[in-house]
Amino acid sequence: MALYLLFESSSGYALLHAHGIDEIGQNTEAVRNSVLDLNRFGKVVRLIAFQPFESALDGLNQINAVSEGIMTDELRNLLELNLPKPPNVNKEDDEPSFVLGIADPKIGSDIAEKTNIPCRCNEFILELLRGVRLHFDRFIRDLKPGDLEKAQLGLAHSYSRAKVKFNVNRVDNMVIQAIFLLDTLDKDINSFSMRVREWYSWHFPELVKIVNDNYLYAKVAKFIENKSELSEDKLPALTEILGDEDKAKEIVEAAKASMGQDLSPIDLINVQQFAQRVMDLSEYRKKLYDYLVAKMNDIAPNLTSLIGEVVGARLISHAGSLTNLAKCPSSTLQILGAEKALFRALKTRGNTPKYGLIFHSSFIGRASSKNKGRMARYLANKCSIASRIDCFTERSTTAFGEKLREQVEERLDFYDKGVAPRKNIDVMKAAIEISQKKDDEMDVEKATTDSSKKSKKKRSKGEAVEDGDPMAEDVSTVVNNGDASEKKKKKQKKDKHKVEEEELNGVNGEQEQEQDQDQDQDQTRKKQKKKSKHEDEEDVQPVSEGKKKKKKKSRNEEDD
């Protein structure tokens, strides 16, 4: 059986033929040693065909397809042109006469499905491909020294850049970094605040028992500076810092009878600077927490409303991304973060852990000791549903997370009081209805905002025209001209429709139109005749009236 090898290099596809090799009985260690010798390897393996990539972009597309296990059209043409005909699938007796050796079984399965070419991937073929990779520059004659290294470097840069650019989970990276930084800040602030307490206690030891909060202690230590200078004049400012007038008075009285030693001005300056650093770190920690809350509401709103921002962010960071968390089953999500205890229990054949990071949720703390395992399993189930909704829905909504939280609350009541919870189908139907209503409201709000913007623009234009702005008049004239042009277009469309209707009516319609036209012409002629008669009568009447007046005048003159 003939053996062919497919090698994907940085400059193109290479197809090689390995002849004179009997795979049966070959030792991989012997093949590994013989591959290093070019004289022995070159006699066995020879190049049949080589198809270079057209450009760097084409090479990137080809390598992306190979990494995903997809056979491209260029690779298919190379295999079909240079390999023997594959066996017919319909014929059972038709056995393959050759085998194609490949490095990745994914692309091998795709090639076998589409072209019926038998593919194989084992240690023997991988050793042969390693030898091809080692001596590949010797197989191609026109290849200059250094060209292959340049192609490898350029393709590696473009491939890694494309992977980073098209990273689907890049939004989750911000949450992962934020929760890691939040945990480190908590540790640092705790250790630094303890150092401030220990340092300033040499000067004012009574302050530790009065002020318990680390941030307030650093703030008060920076404000007091030297305890001997503390008096009742600073009492209002001290009450503003502490928020309690009794504590402020207690600090002033303790400063008068303090047992601490005095510090030099340089030491006090260093204590103040260190306290200021602790205050800055704690303030930055608050800002970072607000940023994490906003980011979690954008990325995973349902998971956030169900279990909280911090626990949800820890779950996402431990899984690696939101998609990885959505792919996890609820049983894996339940013990996420307790891997050491799980493997220790499996090794010692002890009891496996009931919960991991989910233990920090308030639901498990509220459950009784015998129901903590049940509650963790139920909460992990709802968290997996919420993460999948957040990962695969287009519009972000908190309706599902709120309903899932209600279900967890009902389950707590069921364990404590025995109240039967609602069914999951009814709850999900209610959540879908709420999400649809919110979507409809959003669409209506968008439409109203668009209409209000248009009306505001029209009002502003009208006010500007009344004030006499020439620019506004020009704009209004342009708008009017646009309206007129639109009216003309509408009239032209109506005329076109009329013409089409007349053409469809046929010959009978044309005859009826001709008869109607003749009748209209006759009626117009009759009207014209009547008008001419009326005009003649009107002309005759004034003439007759003038003659009568003349006769009357003549008669009067004769009588006189």
Protein backbone atom coordinates (compact mmCIF):
# COMPACT_ATOMS: atom_id res chain seq x y z
CA MET A 1 0.00 0.00 0.00
CA ALA A 2 1.42 3.36 -1.07
CA LEU A 3 1.94 6.01 1.58
CA TYR A 4 1.56 9.72 0.85
CA LEU A 5 2.32 12.56 3.27
CA LEU A 6 0.59 15.95 3.49
CA PHE A 7 2.73 18.71 4.97
CA GLU A 8 1.36 22.22 5.69
CA SER A 9 4.25 24.67 5.63
CA SER A 10 4.28 28.44 6.07
CA SER A 11 4.80 28.93 2.32
CA GLY A 12 2.33 26.37 0.91
CA TYR A 13 1.01 22.80 0.82
CA ALA A 14 3.44 19.98 0.02
CA LEU A 15 2.51 16.44 -1.02
CA LEU A 16 5.21 13.77 -0.66
CA HIS A 17 5.44 10.09 -1.46
CA ALA A 18 7.11 7.69 0.99
CA HIS A 19 8.12 4.56 -0.98
CA GLY A 20 10.00 1.50 0.18
CA ILE A 21 8.78 1.75 3.78
CA ASP A 22 7.12 -1.19 5.43
CA GLU A 23 5.18 0.17 8.33
CA ILE A 24 4.60 -3.24 9.86
CA GLY A 25 7.43 -4.10 12.17
CA GLN A 26 8.98 -0.63 12.10
CA ASN A 27 10.26 0.68 15.40
CA THR A 28 9.51 4.33 16.11
CA GLU A 29 12.88 4.75 17.77
CA ALA A 30 14.66 3.46 14.63
CA VAL A 31 12.58 5.76 12.43
CA ARG A 32 13.38 8.68 14.74
CA ASN A 33 17.12 8.03 14.34
CA SER A 34 16.96 7.47 10.57
CA VAL A 35 15.01 10.70 10.01
CA LEU A 36 18.01 12.78 11.10
CA ASP A 37 20.15 11.50 8.20
CA LEU A 38 19.24 13.35 4.98
CA ASN A 39 20.86 10.79 2.67
CA ARG A 40 18.75 7.93 4.02
CA PHE A 41 15.59 10.03 4.37
CA GLY A 42 15.89 11.59 0.90
CA LYS A 43 15.98 8.16 -0.75
CA VAL A 44 12.74 7.13 0.90
CA VAL A 45 10.68 10.34 0.74
CA ARG A 46 10.38 12.47 -2.37
CA LEU A 47 8.31 15.55 -3.28
CA ILE A 48 5.40 15.04 -5.70
CA ALA A 49 3.66 18.43 -5.73
CA PHE A 50 3.94 21.79 -4.03
CA GLN A 51 1.27 24.50 -4.11
CA PRO A 52 2.50 27.85 -2.72
CA PHE A 53 0.21 30.40 -1.13
CA GLU A 54 -0.69 33.37 -3.32
CA SER A 55 -0.14 36.02 -0.63
CA ALA A 56 0.28 36.48 3.11
CA LEU A 57 -3.48 36.93 3.51
CA ASP A 58 -4.14 33.73 1.59
CA GLY A 59 -1.63 31.90 3.79
CA LEU A 60 -3.36 33.20 6.93
CA ASN A 61 -6.77 32.03 5.67
CA GLN A 62 -5.40 28.60 4.74
CA ILE A 63 -3.70 28.08 8.11
CA ASN A 64 -6.84 29.23 9.97
CA ALA A 65 -8.86 26.65 8.04
CA VAL A 66 -6.30 23.92 8.80
CA SER A 67 -6.30 24.78 12.52
CA GLU A 68 -10.10 24.53 12.59
CA GLY A 69 -10.02 21.18 10.73
CA ILE A 70 -11.56 22.44 7.47
CA MET A 71 -10.36 21.43 4.02
CA THR A 72 -10.12 24.38 1.61
CA ASP A 73 -10.74 24.29 -2.14
CA GLU A 74 -7.02 24.73 -2.90
CA LEU A 75 -6.11 21.73 -0.76
CA ARG A 76 -8.85 19.63 -2.34
CA ASN A 77 -7.63 20.45 -5.86
CA LEU A 78 -4.07 19.53 -4.88
CA LEU A 79 -5.13 16.16 -3.48
CA GLU A 80 -7.49 15.25 -6.32
CA LEU A 81 -4.97 16.14 -9.04
CA ASN A 82 -1.92 14.36 -7.59
CA LEU A 83 -3.34 11.35 -5.72
CA PRO A 84 -4.76 8.15 -7.24
CA LYS A 85 -8.50 7.69 -7.39
CA PRO A 86 -9.99 6.93 -3.98
CA PRO A 87 -11.98 3.71 -3.48
CA ASN A 88 -15.69 3.65 -4.19
CA VAL A 89 -17.79 3.72 -1.04
CA ASN A 90 -20.68 1.78 -2.58
CA LYS A 91 -18.46 -1.18 -3.47
CA GLU A 92 -17.46 -3.29 -0.48
CA ASP A 93 -14.71 -5.20 -2.32
CA ASP A 94 -12.97 -2.00 -3.47
CA GLU A 95 -10.04 -1.68 -1.06
CA PRO A 96 -7.85 1.46 -0.90
CA SER A 97 -4.54 1.29 -2.74
CA PHE A 98 -2.95 4.17 -0.83
CA VAL A 99 -3.08 6.04 2.49
CA LEU A 100 -2.60 9.75 3.16
CA GLY A 101 -0.56 10.52 6.27
CA ILE A 102 -1.56 13.69 8.11
CA ALA A 103 -0.53 15.45 11.33
CA ASP A 104 -3.99 16.54 12.58
CA PRO A 105 -6.83 13.98 12.80
CA LYS A 106 -9.47 16.77 12.57
CA ILE A 107 -8.59 17.74 9.01
CA GLY A 108 -8.16 14.05 8.21
CA SER A 109 -11.79 13.32 9.09
CA ASP A 110 -12.92 16.28 6.95
CA ILE A 111 -10.84 15.06 3.96
CA ALA A 112 -12.20 11.51 4.34
CA GLU A 113 -15.81 12.73 4.47
CA LYS A 114 -15.59 15.01 1.42
CA THR A 115 -13.21 13.11 -0.90
CA ASN A 116 -13.25 9.47 0.40
CA ILE A 117 -9.44 9.60 0.64
CA PRO A 118 -8.25 7.25 3.43
CA CYS A 119 -6.26 9.20 6.05
CA ARG A 120 -4.07 8.01 8.88
CA CYS A 121 -2.38 9.66 11.85
CA ASN A 122 -0.06 7.70 14.19
CA GLU A 123 3.42 7.93 15.72
CA PHE A 124 5.10 6.49 12.61
CA ILE A 125 3.58 9.13 10.31
CA LEU A 126 4.31 11.92 12.81
CA GLU A 127 7.99 10.92 12.81
CA LEU A 128 8.06 11.00 9.01
CA LEU A 129 6.43 14.45 9.00
CA ARG A 130 9.02 15.58 11.54
CA GLY A 131 11.72 14.56 9.09
CA VAL A 132 9.94 16.45 6.29
CA ARG A 133 9.81 19.55 8.49
CA LEU A 134 13.50 19.18 9.30
CA HIS A 135 14.67 18.83 5.67
CA PHE A 136 11.90 20.79 3.92
CA ASP A 137 14.24 23.47 2.56
CA ARG A 138 16.19 20.74 0.72
CA PHE A 139 13.10 19.36 -1.06
CA ILE A 140 12.31 22.68 -2.82
CA ARG A 141 15.18 23.70 -5.09
CA ASP A 142 14.26 27.34 -5.84
CA LEU A 143 13.92 28.20 -2.15
CA LYS A 144 16.68 30.55 -0.98
CA PRO A 145 18.27 30.24 2.47
CA GLY A 146 16.33 32.33 4.98
CA ASP A 147 13.10 32.53 2.95
CA LEU A 148 11.41 29.76 4.92
CA GLU A 149 12.30 31.38 8.27
CA LYS A 150 10.90 34.74 7.10
CA ALA A 151 7.66 33.11 5.96
CA GLN A 152 7.33 31.27 9.28
CA LEU A 153 7.91 34.45 11.27
CA GLY A 154 5.45 36.53 9.24
CA LEU A 155 2.74 33.88 9.33
CA ALA A 156 3.21 33.35 13.08
CA HIS A 157 2.82 37.09 13.74
CA SER A 158 -0.29 37.44 11.58
CA TYR A 159 -1.86 34.24 12.98
CA SER A 160 -1.34 35.29 16.60
CA ARG A 161 -2.55 38.83 15.86
CA ALA A 162 -5.71 37.50 14.24
CA LYS A 163 -6.37 35.21 17.19
CA VAL A 164 -6.03 38.09 19.64
CA LYS A 165 -8.14 40.44 17.51
CA PHE A 166 -11.00 38.01 16.97
CA ASN A 167 -11.05 36.74 20.54
CA VAL A 168 -14.70 36.13 21.39
CA ASN A 169 -14.07 36.30 25.14
CA ARG A 170 -12.10 39.56 25.15
CA VAL A 171 -14.91 41.40 26.98
CA ASP A 172 -14.74 38.90 29.84
CA ASN A 173 -11.04 39.62 30.28
CA MET A 174 -11.88 43.00 31.85
CA VAL A 175 -14.02 41.31 34.51
CA ILE A 176 -11.34 38.68 35.18
CA GLN A 177 -8.63 41.32 35.61
CA ALA A 178 -10.88 43.50 37.78
CA ILE A 179 -11.77 40.70 40.22
CA PHE A 180 -8.11 39.63 40.50
CA LEU A 181 -7.09 43.22 41.22
CA LEU A 182 -9.93 43.58 43.72
CA ASP A 183 -8.73 40.55 45.67
CA THR A 184 -5.11 41.78 45.71
CA LEU A 185 -6.23 45.25 46.79
CA ASP A 186 -8.20 43.77 49.70
CA LYS A 187 -5.10 41.93 50.89
CA ASP A 188 -2.82 44.95 50.43
CA ILE A 189 -5.19 47.40 52.11
CA ASN A 190 -5.63 45.03 55.05
CA SER A 191 -1.88 44.59 55.55
CA PHE A 192 -1.10 48.30 55.07
CA SER A 193 -3.86 49.41 57.45
CA MET A 194 -2.53 47.03 60.10
CA ARG A 195 0.90 48.58 59.59
CA VAL A 196 -0.60 52.08 60.08
CA ARG A 197 -2.29 50.96 63.29
CA GLU A 198 0.88 49.47 64.64
CA TRP A 199 3.00 52.49 63.67
CA TYR A 200 0.64 55.19 65.00
CA SER A 201 -0.14 53.19 68.18
CA TRP A 202 3.31 54.09 69.50
CA HIS A 203 2.11 57.67 69.58
CA PHE A 204 -1.63 57.25 70.32
CA PRO A 205 -2.42 53.66 71.49
CA GLU A 206 -5.95 54.45 72.74
CA LEU A 207 -7.20 55.26 69.23
CA VAL A 208 -7.19 51.59 68.17
CA LYS A 209 -9.97 50.64 70.60
CA ILE A 210 -12.12 53.66 69.70
CA VAL A 211 -11.97 53.44 65.86
CA ASN A 212 -12.33 49.93 64.42
CA ASP A 213 -12.60 50.65 60.68
CA ASN A 214 -9.27 50.68 58.81
CA TYR A 215 -10.17 53.52 56.43
CA LEU A 216 -11.51 55.73 59.23
CA TYR A 217 -8.47 54.99 61.39
CA ALA A 218 -6.10 56.14 58.62
CA LYS A 219 -8.22 59.25 58.04
CA VAL A 220 -8.30 60.14 61.76
CA ALA A 221 -4.57 59.51 62.16
CA LYS A 222 -3.84 61.87 59.27
CA PHE A 223 -6.17 64.52 60.74
CA ILE A 224 -4.88 64.37 64.34
CA GLU A 225 -1.14 64.33 63.48
CA ASN A 226 0.22 65.21 66.95
CA LYS A 227 -2.05 64.21 69.86
CA SER A 228 -0.76 67.06 72.05
CA GLU A 229 -2.17 69.61 69.58
CA LEU A 230 -5.65 68.04 69.59
CA SER A 231 -8.20 70.28 71.33
CA GLU A 232 -11.92 70.91 71.42
CA ASP A 233 -11.60 73.38 68.53
CA LYS A 234 -11.08 70.43 66.15
CA LEU A 235 -14.17 68.64 67.48
CA PRO A 236 -16.58 69.64 64.59
CA ALA A 237 -14.13 68.52 61.90
CA LEU A 238 -13.51 65.25 63.78
CA THR A 239 -17.27 64.58 64.02
CA GLU A 240 -17.57 65.10 60.24
CA ILE A 241 -14.91 62.43 59.65
CA LEU A 242 -16.33 59.90 62.12
CA GLY A 243 -20.02 60.74 61.80
CA ASP A 244 -20.47 60.34 65.55
CA GLU A 245 -20.05 63.16 68.07
CA ASP A 246 -19.65 60.84 71.08
CA LYS A 247 -16.68 59.07 69.49
CA ALA A 248 -15.11 62.42 68.63
CA LYS A 249 -15.40 63.58 72.26
CA GLU A 250 -13.99 60.27 73.45
CA ILE A 251 -10.95 60.68 71.17
CA VAL A 252 -10.32 64.23 72.46
CA GLU A 253 -10.52 63.06 76.08
CA ALA A 254 -8.26 60.05 75.37
CA ALA A 255 -5.67 62.31 73.72
CA LYS A 256 -5.39 64.38 76.90
CA ALA A 257 -4.56 61.35 79.06
CA SER A 258 -2.72 59.23 76.47
CA MET A 259 0.14 56.92 77.50
CA GLY A 260 1.85 56.98 74.06
CA GLN A 261 5.30 58.37 73.43
CA ASP A 262 6.04 61.53 71.48
CA LEU A 263 7.23 61.32 67.87
CA SER A 264 9.56 63.62 66.00
CA PRO A 265 8.13 65.78 63.18
CA ILE A 266 9.85 63.65 60.53
CA ASP A 267 8.27 60.47 61.93
CA LEU A 268 4.84 62.12 62.00
CA ILE A 269 5.24 63.20 58.34
CA ASN A 270 6.07 59.63 57.33
CA VAL A 271 3.05 58.29 59.23
CA GLN A 272 0.80 60.86 57.54
CA GLN A 273 2.12 60.01 54.08
CA PHE A 274 1.61 56.30 54.65
CA ALA A 275 -1.94 56.90 55.97
CA GLN A 276 -2.67 58.97 52.84
CA ARG A 277 -1.49 56.07 50.66
CA VAL A 278 -3.82 53.70 52.49
CA MET A 279 -6.71 56.13 52.01
CA ASP A 280 -5.97 56.43 48.29
CA LEU A 281 -5.86 52.66 47.90
CA SER A 282 -9.18 52.21 49.69
CA GLU A 283 -10.81 54.92 47.56
CA TYR A 284 -9.46 53.29 44.42
CA ARG A 285 -10.86 50.00 45.64
CA LYS A 286 -14.34 51.56 45.86
CA LYS A 287 -14.04 52.90 42.29
CA LEU A 288 -12.87 49.51 41.05
CA TYR A 289 -15.83 47.83 42.74
CA ASP A 290 -18.23 50.26 41.03
CA TYR A 291 -16.53 49.52 37.70
CA LEU A 292 -16.90 45.77 38.31
CA VAL A 293 -20.60 46.17 39.14
CA ALA A 294 -21.23 48.16 35.94
CA LYS A 295 -19.25 45.69 33.83
CA MET A 296 -21.02 42.66 35.28
CA ASN A 297 -24.42 44.25 34.65
CA ASP A 298 -23.43 44.68 31.00
CA ILE A 299 -21.86 41.24 30.45
CA ALA A 300 -23.88 38.91 32.71
CA PRO A 301 -26.96 40.74 34.04
CA ASN A 302 -28.94 37.60 34.91
CA LEU A 303 -26.06 35.92 36.73
CA THR A 304 -25.42 39.19 38.60
CA SER A 305 -29.03 39.59 39.72
CA LEU A 306 -29.10 35.93 40.81
CA ILE A 307 -25.87 35.48 42.78
CA GLY A 308 -24.24 38.92 43.01
CA GLU A 309 -21.46 40.77 41.23
CA VAL A 310 -18.44 39.48 43.16
CA VAL A 311 -19.39 35.79 43.23
CA GLY A 312 -20.43 35.89 39.57
CA ALA A 313 -17.15 37.55 38.57
CA ARG A 314 -15.19 34.92 40.54
CA LEU A 315 -17.05 32.14 38.74
CA ILE A 316 -16.30 33.70 35.33
CA SER A 317 -12.62 34.24 36.19
CA HIS A 318 -12.22 30.68 37.49
CA ALA A 319 -13.89 29.19 34.39
CA GLY A 320 -11.80 31.39 32.07
CA SER A 321 -14.67 33.13 30.27
CA LEU A 322 -18.44 33.42 30.21
CA THR A 323 -18.70 30.91 27.35
CA ASN A 324 -16.64 28.36 29.28
CA LEU A 325 -18.90 28.89 32.29
CA ALA A 326 -21.98 28.45 30.09
CA LYS A 327 -20.55 25.17 28.74
CA CYS A 328 -20.00 23.80 32.26
CA PRO A 329 -22.73 21.52 33.63
CA SER A 330 -24.30 22.44 36.94
CA SER A 331 -22.42 19.64 38.75
CA THR A 332 -19.09 21.15 37.66
CA LEU A 333 -20.23 24.68 38.51
CA GLN A 334 -21.24 23.51 41.99
CA ILE A 335 -17.69 22.50 42.99
CA LEU A 336 -15.89 25.14 40.91
CA GLY A 337 -13.08 26.41 43.12
CA ALA A 338 -12.84 23.26 45.30
CA GLU A 339 -10.70 21.16 42.94
CA LYS A 340 -8.07 20.35 45.56
CA ALA A 341 -10.65 19.02 47.99
CA LEU A 342 -12.32 17.03 45.20
CA PHE A 343 -9.14 15.30 44.06
CA ARG A 344 -8.07 14.69 47.66
CA ALA A 345 -11.44 13.06 48.35
CA LEU A 346 -11.15 10.92 45.21
CA LYS A 347 -7.64 9.88 46.18
CA THR A 348 -8.50 9.01 49.78
CA ARG A 349 -12.00 7.73 48.88
CA GLY A 350 -13.60 10.20 51.24
CA ASN A 351 -16.60 12.49 50.95
CA THR A 352 -16.51 14.86 47.97
CA PRO A 353 -17.05 18.60 48.57
CA LYS A 354 -20.58 19.97 48.30
CA TYR A 355 -19.73 23.51 47.15
CA GLY A 356 -16.88 25.68 45.96
CA LEU A 357 -17.09 29.39 45.14
CA ILE A 358 -20.90 29.24 45.45
CA PHE A 359 -20.45 28.96 49.23
CA HIS A 360 -19.87 32.76 49.37
CA SER A 361 -23.46 33.30 48.23
CA SER A 362 -25.96 34.44 50.84
CA PHE A 363 -28.41 31.63 49.96
CA ILE A 364 -26.16 28.84 51.26
CA GLY A 365 -25.40 30.82 54.41
CA ARG A 366 -29.12 31.20 55.10
CA ALA A 367 -29.81 27.49 54.61
CA SER A 368 -29.63 25.07 57.52
CA SER A 369 -26.68 22.72 57.92
CA LYS A 370 -28.52 19.66 56.64
CA ASN A 371 -29.87 21.52 53.57
CA LYS A 372 -26.65 23.26 52.50
CA GLY A 373 -25.78 20.52 49.98
CA ARG A 374 -29.26 20.57 48.46
CA MET A 375 -29.21 24.35 48.28
CA ALA A 376 -25.79 24.36 46.61
CA ARG A 377 -26.98 21.86 43.97
CA TYR A 378 -30.15 23.87 43.26
CA LEU A 379 -28.27 27.19 43.13
CA ALA A 380 -25.65 25.73 40.75
CA ASN A 381 -28.47 24.60 38.47
CA LYS A 382 -29.95 28.11 38.33
CA CYS A 383 -26.51 29.71 37.87
CA SER A 384 -25.80 27.50 34.84
CA ILE A 385 -29.15 28.52 33.30
CA ALA A 386 -28.45 32.22 33.95
CA SER A 387 -24.93 32.04 32.47
CA ARG A 388 -26.24 30.36 29.30
CA ILE A 389 -28.94 33.00 28.89
CA ASP A 390 -26.36 35.77 29.31
CA CYS A 391 -23.94 34.14 26.88
CA PHE A 392 -26.29 33.38 24.01
CA THR A 393 -28.96 36.11 24.10
CA GLU A 394 -28.61 39.20 21.92
CA ARG A 395 -30.46 41.68 24.16
CA SER A 396 -29.41 41.99 27.79
CA THR A 397 -32.22 41.70 30.32
CA THR A 398 -32.47 40.95 34.04
CA ALA A 399 -35.94 39.39 33.91
CA PHE A 400 -34.69 35.80 33.92
CA GLY A 401 -32.20 36.42 36.74
CA GLU A 402 -34.84 38.01 38.94
CA LYS A 403 -37.23 35.11 38.36
CA LEU A 404 -34.48 32.57 39.06
CA ARG A 405 -33.70 34.41 42.30
CA GLU A 406 -37.36 34.17 43.25
CA GLN A 407 -37.20 30.42 42.62
CA VAL A 408 -34.20 30.06 44.93
CA GLU A 409 -36.04 32.04 47.63
CA GLU A 410 -39.06 29.76 47.23
CA ARG A 411 -36.80 26.72 47.54
CA LEU A 412 -35.41 28.10 50.81
CA ASP A 413 -38.96 28.54 52.11
CA PHE A 414 -39.76 25.00 51.01
CA TYR A 415 -36.83 23.56 52.98
CA ASP A 416 -37.64 25.65 56.09
CA LYS A 417 -41.44 25.93 56.14
CA GLY A 418 -42.63 23.33 53.62
CA VAL A 419 -44.27 25.83 51.23
CA ALA A 420 -44.54 24.30 47.74
CA PRO A 421 -42.62 26.30 45.10
CA ARG A 422 -43.86 27.19 41.61
CA LYS A 423 -43.09 25.06 38.57
CA ASN A 424 -40.16 25.99 36.39
CA ILE A 425 -42.33 26.22 33.24
CA ASP A 426 -44.64 28.84 34.76
CA VAL A 427 -41.72 30.92 36.02
CA MET A 428 -39.96 30.88 32.64
CA LYS A 429 -43.16 31.84 30.82
CA ALA A 430 -43.58 34.83 33.13
CA ALA A 431 -39.93 35.83 32.57
CA ILE A 432 -40.34 35.62 28.77
CA GLU A 433 -43.46 37.80 28.93
CA ILE A 434 -41.67 40.41 31.04
CA SER A 435 -38.68 40.49 28.68
CA GLN A 436 -40.98 40.91 25.66
CA LYS A 437 -42.82 43.77 27.35
CA LYS A 438 -39.53 45.48 28.11
CA ASP A 439 -38.43 45.09 24.49
CA ASP A 440 -41.71 46.60 23.27
CA GLU A 441 -41.34 49.51 25.70
CA MET A 442 -37.81 50.11 24.48
CA ASP A 443 -38.99 50.20 20.87
CA VAL A 444 -41.79 52.65 21.75
CA GLU A 445 -39.35 54.89 23.63
CA LYS A 446 -36.99 54.93 20.66
CA ALA A 447 -39.85 55.90 18.33
CA THR A 448 -41.01 58.70 20.68
CA THR A 449 -37.48 60.05 21.09
CA ASP A 450 -37.01 60.13 17.33
CA SER A 451 -40.32 61.98 16.81
CA SER A 452 -39.54 64.45 19.62
CA LYS A 453 -36.15 65.18 18.08
CA LYS A 454 -37.79 65.89 14.70
CA SER A 455 -40.40 68.19 16.29
CA LYS A 456 -37.70 70.06 18.21
CA LYS A 457 -35.77 70.59 14.99
CA LYS A 458 -38.89 71.98 13.26
CA ARG A 459 -39.63 74.30 16.19
CA SER A 460 -36.08 75.58 16.28
CA LYS A 461 -36.23 76.28 12.52
CA GLY A 462 -39.56 78.12 12.84
CA GLU A 463 -38.27 80.26 15.73
CA ALA A 464 -35.14 81.10 13.80
CA VAL A 465 -37.20 82.19 10.75
CA GLU A 466 -39.39 84.43 12.96
CA ASP A 467 -36.29 86.04 14.44
CA GLY A 468 -35.08 86.80 10.92
CA ASP A 469 -32.07 84.57 10.62
CA PRO A 470 -31.06 84.37 6.94
CA MET A 471 -29.53 80.92 7.39
CA ALA A 472 -32.77 79.53 8.80
CA GLU A 473 -34.75 81.03 5.89
CA ASP A 474 -32.39 79.40 3.46
CA VAL A 475 -32.81 76.07 5.25
CA SER A 476 -36.61 76.44 5.24
CA THR A 477 -36.63 77.24 1.53
CA VAL A 478 -34.50 74.19 0.91
CA VAL A 479 -36.95 72.08 2.93
CA ASN A 480 -39.91 73.55 1.03
CA ASN A 481 -38.22 72.88 -2.28
CA GLY A 482 -37.63 69.34 -1.11
CA ASP A 483 -41.35 68.99 -0.23
CA ALA A 484 -42.33 70.37 -3.63
CA SER A 485 -40.03 67.97 -5.40
CA GLU A 486 -41.52 65.11 -3.39
CA LYS A 487 -45.05 66.21 -4.44
CA LYS A 488 -43.99 66.31 -8.08
CA LYS A 489 -42.57 62.83 -7.78
CA LYS A 490 -45.87 61.61 -6.30
CA LYS A 491 -47.83 63.20 -9.16
CA GLN A 492 -45.54 61.59 -11.72
CA LYS A 493 -46.06 58.20 -10.08
CA LYS A 494 -49.88 58.69 -10.20
CA ASP A 495 -49.72 59.61 -13.88
CA LYS A 496 -47.65 56.52 -14.59
CA HIS A 497 -50.21 54.34 -12.81
CA LYS A 498 -53.01 55.93 -14.86
CA VAL A 499 -51.16 55.27 -18.11
CA GLU A 500 -50.60 51.66 -17.18
CA GLU A 501 -54.30 51.23 -16.35
CA GLU A 502 -55.29 52.72 -19.69
CA GLU A 503 -52.97 50.34 -21.52
CA LEU A 504 -54.45 47.37 -19.67
CA ASN A 505 -58.04 48.36 -20.46
CA GLY A 506 -57.62 47.46 -24.14
CA VAL A 507 -59.36 48.53 -27.33
CA ASN A 508 -62.86 48.70 -25.82
CA GLY A 509 -61.71 51.17 -23.27
CA GLU A 510 -60.15 53.32 -26.01
CA GLN A 511 -63.40 53.34 -27.99
CA GLU A 512 -65.37 54.37 -24.91
CA GLN A 513 -62.89 57.15 -24.28
CA GLU A 514 -63.26 58.36 -27.91
CA GLN A 515 -67.06 58.42 -27.58
CA ASP A 516 -66.81 60.34 -24.33
CA GLN A 517 -64.47 62.81 -25.99
CA ASP A 518 -66.95 63.32 -28.88
CA GLN A 519 -69.80 63.92 -26.42
CA ASP A 520 -67.66 66.39 -24.50
CA GLN A 521 -66.84 68.26 -27.72
CA ASP A 522 -70.57 68.47 -28.68
CA GLN A 523 -71.45 69.79 -25.24
CA THR A 524 -68.72 72.43 -25.45
CA ARG A 525 -69.96 73.55 -28.87
CA LYS A 526 -73.58 73.93 -27.60
CA LYS A 527 -72.36 75.93 -24.61
CA GLN A 528 -70.37 78.25 -26.90
CA LYS A 529 -73.49 78.87 -29.10
CA LYS A 530 -75.65 79.71 -26.08
CA LYS A 531 -73.02 82.13 -24.78
CA SER A 532 -72.87 83.93 -28.17
CA LYS A 533 -76.70 84.30 -28.26
CA HIS A 534 -76.78 85.77 -24.77
CA GLU A 535 -74.07 88.26 -25.74
CA ASP A 536 -76.05 89.42 -28.86
CA GLU A 537 -79.20 89.96 -26.80
CA GLU A 538 -77.31 91.99 -24.25
CA ASP A 539 -75.86 94.20 -27.04
CA VAL A 540 -79.31 94.79 -28.61
CA GLN A 541 -81.01 95.78 -25.33
CA PRO A 542 -78.90 98.90 -24.60
CA VAL A 543 -79.38 100.17 -28.19
CA SER A 544 -83.20 100.01 -27.92
CA GLU A 545 -83.13 101.73 -24.57
CA GLY A 546 -81.12 104.62 -26.11
CA LYS A 547 -83.71 105.14 -28.91
CA LYS A 548 -86.59 105.34 -26.42
CA LYS A 549 -84.79 108.01 -24.42
CA LYS A 550 -84.25 110.10 -27.57
CA LYS A 551 -88.01 109.94 -28.48
CA LYS A 552 -89.00 111.07 -24.99
CA LYS A 553 -86.65 114.02 -25.18
CA SER A 554 -88.06 115.11 -28.58
CA ARG A 555 -91.67 114.94 -27.28
CA ASN A 556 -90.86 117.12 -24.32
CA GLU A 557 -89.26 119.74 -26.54
CA GLU A 558 -92.40 119.95 -28.79
CA ASP A 559 -94.69 120.46 -25.77
CA ASP A 560 -92.54 123.33 -24.58
